[in-house]
Amino acid sequence: MLAQQALDRRDKEDRTSVGQLLWEKVTLGLALVRMEKGDEAIEHLDFANSRGMGWCYNIVPMFAMAGLIEYQYHEAMKISRKLERQEKLSRTDFIYKQYCKSDPVNQFQIPAAEAHLAMARVHLARREHEDANNLALMAFKIADGQ
């Protein structure tokens, strides 16, 4: 609700700030993903991801990609048929590769930790325990500032 209010206020008061719009969109998208309102979240995350690069706000698309991985994971876990779930989970691979290419040294600490942790969940869902553990440990080290 607060993220939506911030976006609405921005639309009324400051329509010229691209950076602020990107932040409001990614914030709302991430909140909706965590509330498991993925259909609403995807629009905001896609917007922040596609329009964020090149505006000196490269951290915004990093948050958006981490949110998109989490979104795909949550959507896949709603599917009971194993083959369909695995197919849905495979969409995370592309987003994660895109994330790693965009931030190869994990310079954006918080979204990097979020992206690696979300992908660890994907590996866990696939029963790829070693990969899941390695990514979870990486996420922890990044979040811890190592």
Protein backbone atom coordinates (compact mmCIF):
# COMPACT_ATOMS: atom_id res chain seq x y z
CA MET A 1 0.00 0.00 0.00
CA LEU A 2 2.81 2.42 0.88
CA ALA A 3 4.70 1.64 -2.33
CA GLN A 4 1.55 2.28 -4.38
CA GLN A 5 0.96 5.56 -2.52
CA ALA A 6 4.53 6.65 -3.28
CA LEU A 7 4.06 5.88 -6.97
CA ASP A 8 0.72 7.73 -7.03
CA ARG A 9 2.27 10.74 -5.27
CA ARG A 10 5.15 10.74 -7.74
CA ASP A 11 2.67 10.75 -10.63
CA LYS A 12 0.98 13.83 -9.18
CA GLU A 13 3.99 15.81 -7.93
CA ASP A 14 7.13 14.96 -9.90
CA ARG A 15 6.51 13.59 -13.35
CA THR A 16 9.96 14.61 -14.63
CA SER A 17 12.17 12.40 -12.46
CA VAL A 18 12.92 9.20 -14.35
CA GLY A 19 15.06 7.95 -11.48
CA GLN A 20 12.27 8.37 -8.96
CA LEU A 21 9.80 6.62 -11.25
CA LEU A 22 12.19 3.67 -11.60
CA TRP A 23 12.64 3.41 -7.83
CA GLU A 24 8.90 3.56 -7.22
CA LYS A 25 8.21 0.90 -9.86
CA VAL A 26 10.83 -1.54 -8.56
CA THR A 27 9.77 -0.99 -4.94
CA LEU A 28 6.14 -1.68 -5.77
CA GLY A 29 7.07 -4.69 -7.90
CA LEU A 30 9.19 -6.24 -5.15
CA ALA A 31 6.48 -5.65 -2.56
CA LEU A 32 3.90 -7.34 -4.78
CA VAL A 33 6.17 -10.34 -5.40
CA ARG A 34 6.63 -10.82 -1.68
CA MET A 35 2.89 -10.57 -1.18
CA GLU A 36 2.54 -13.25 -3.89
CA LYS A 37 0.68 -10.94 -6.23
CA GLY A 38 2.88 -11.86 -9.15
CA ASP A 39 0.51 -10.86 -11.93
CA GLU A 40 0.55 -7.29 -10.64
CA ALA A 41 4.27 -7.34 -9.84
CA ILE A 42 5.55 -8.40 -13.24
CA GLU A 43 4.47 -5.18 -14.96
CA HIS A 44 6.40 -3.00 -12.50
CA LEU A 45 9.49 -5.20 -12.43
CA ASP A 46 9.64 -5.43 -16.23
CA PHE A 47 9.30 -1.66 -16.46
CA ALA A 48 12.13 -1.05 -13.96
CA ASN A 49 14.33 -3.66 -15.61
CA SER A 50 13.84 -2.60 -19.21
CA ARG A 51 14.01 1.15 -18.66
CA GLY A 52 16.53 1.30 -15.82
CA MET A 53 19.77 0.53 -17.66
CA GLY A 54 21.59 3.53 -18.93
CA TRP A 55 19.94 6.12 -16.68
CA CYS A 56 22.73 6.08 -14.09
CA TYR A 57 20.40 3.99 -11.96
CA ASN A 58 21.81 0.60 -12.84
CA ILE A 59 21.03 -0.68 -9.36
CA VAL A 60 17.29 -0.48 -10.10
CA PRO A 61 17.38 -3.17 -12.83
CA MET A 62 19.51 -5.32 -10.53
CA PHE A 63 16.73 -5.23 -7.93
CA ALA A 64 14.20 -5.87 -10.70
CA MET A 65 16.05 -8.93 -11.99
CA ALA A 66 16.36 -10.33 -8.47
CA GLY A 67 12.62 -9.79 -8.09
CA LEU A 68 11.92 -11.47 -11.42
CA ILE A 69 13.86 -14.55 -10.34
CA GLU A 70 11.86 -14.67 -7.12
CA TYR A 71 8.63 -14.14 -9.06
CA GLN A 72 9.38 -17.04 -11.43
CA TYR A 73 10.27 -19.26 -8.47
CA HIS A 74 6.99 -18.50 -6.65
CA GLU A 75 4.98 -19.06 -9.82
CA ALA A 76 6.71 -22.38 -10.49
CA MET A 77 6.06 -23.63 -6.98
CA LYS A 78 2.32 -23.20 -7.54
CA ILE A 79 2.45 -25.83 -10.30
CA SER A 80 1.88 -29.41 -9.18
CA ARG A 81 3.00 -31.19 -12.36
CA LYS A 82 6.74 -31.75 -12.15
CA LEU A 83 7.56 -31.24 -15.84
CA GLU A 84 5.60 -27.98 -16.04
CA ARG A 85 7.21 -26.77 -12.79
CA GLN A 86 10.69 -27.53 -14.14
CA GLU A 87 9.86 -25.67 -17.34
CA LYS A 88 8.75 -22.64 -15.36
CA LEU A 89 11.87 -22.84 -13.18
CA SER A 90 14.04 -22.88 -16.31
CA ARG A 91 12.95 -19.29 -16.99
CA THR A 92 14.94 -18.26 -13.94
CA ASP A 93 18.15 -19.48 -15.57
CA PHE A 94 17.95 -16.84 -18.28
CA ILE A 95 17.20 -14.03 -15.83
CA TYR A 96 19.97 -15.16 -13.48
CA LYS A 97 22.52 -15.29 -16.33
CA GLN A 98 21.41 -11.80 -17.33
CA TYR A 99 21.88 -10.66 -13.73
CA CYS A 100 25.36 -12.18 -13.47
CA LYS A 101 26.37 -10.62 -16.78
CA SER A 102 25.13 -7.20 -15.63
CA ASP A 103 26.79 -7.40 -12.20
CA PRO A 104 29.68 -9.87 -12.56
CA VAL A 105 31.50 -8.79 -9.38
CA ASN A 106 28.41 -8.37 -7.18
CA GLN A 107 29.00 -4.65 -6.77
CA PHE A 108 25.35 -4.06 -5.95
CA GLN A 109 25.40 -5.80 -2.56
CA ILE A 110 21.71 -6.06 -1.64
CA PRO A 111 20.26 -7.06 -5.03
CA ALA A 112 23.22 -9.43 -5.60
CA ALA A 113 22.49 -11.22 -2.34
CA GLU A 114 18.77 -11.33 -3.23
CA ALA A 115 19.43 -12.70 -6.74
CA HIS A 116 21.79 -15.42 -5.54
CA LEU A 117 19.44 -16.40 -2.71
CA ALA A 118 16.45 -16.57 -5.06
CA MET A 119 18.44 -18.75 -7.43
CA ALA A 120 19.51 -20.95 -4.51
CA ARG A 121 15.80 -21.60 -3.89
CA VAL A 122 15.42 -22.58 -7.52
CA HIS A 123 18.27 -25.07 -7.25
CA LEU A 124 16.78 -26.44 -4.05
CA ALA A 125 13.43 -26.94 -5.81
CA ARG A 126 15.32 -28.88 -8.49
CA ARG A 127 16.99 -30.95 -5.76
CA GLU A 128 20.40 -29.59 -6.78
CA HIS A 129 21.56 -29.31 -3.19
CA GLU A 130 25.23 -28.50 -3.79
CA ASP A 131 24.40 -25.64 -6.17
CA ALA A 132 21.73 -24.39 -3.76
CA ASN A 133 24.18 -24.44 -0.84
CA ASN A 134 26.90 -22.69 -2.84
CA LEU A 135 24.58 -19.89 -3.93
CA ALA A 136 23.07 -19.49 -0.48
CA LEU A 137 26.57 -19.23 1.00
CA MET A 138 27.53 -16.69 -1.67
CA ALA A 139 24.41 -14.66 -0.87
CA PHE A 140 25.26 -14.73 2.82
CA LYS A 141 28.85 -13.60 2.19
CA ILE A 142 27.73 -10.77 -0.08
CA ALA A 143 25.09 -9.65 2.43
CA ASP A 144 27.74 -9.78 5.15
CA GLY A 145 29.98 -7.51 3.10
CA GLN A 146 32.65 -10.10 2.32
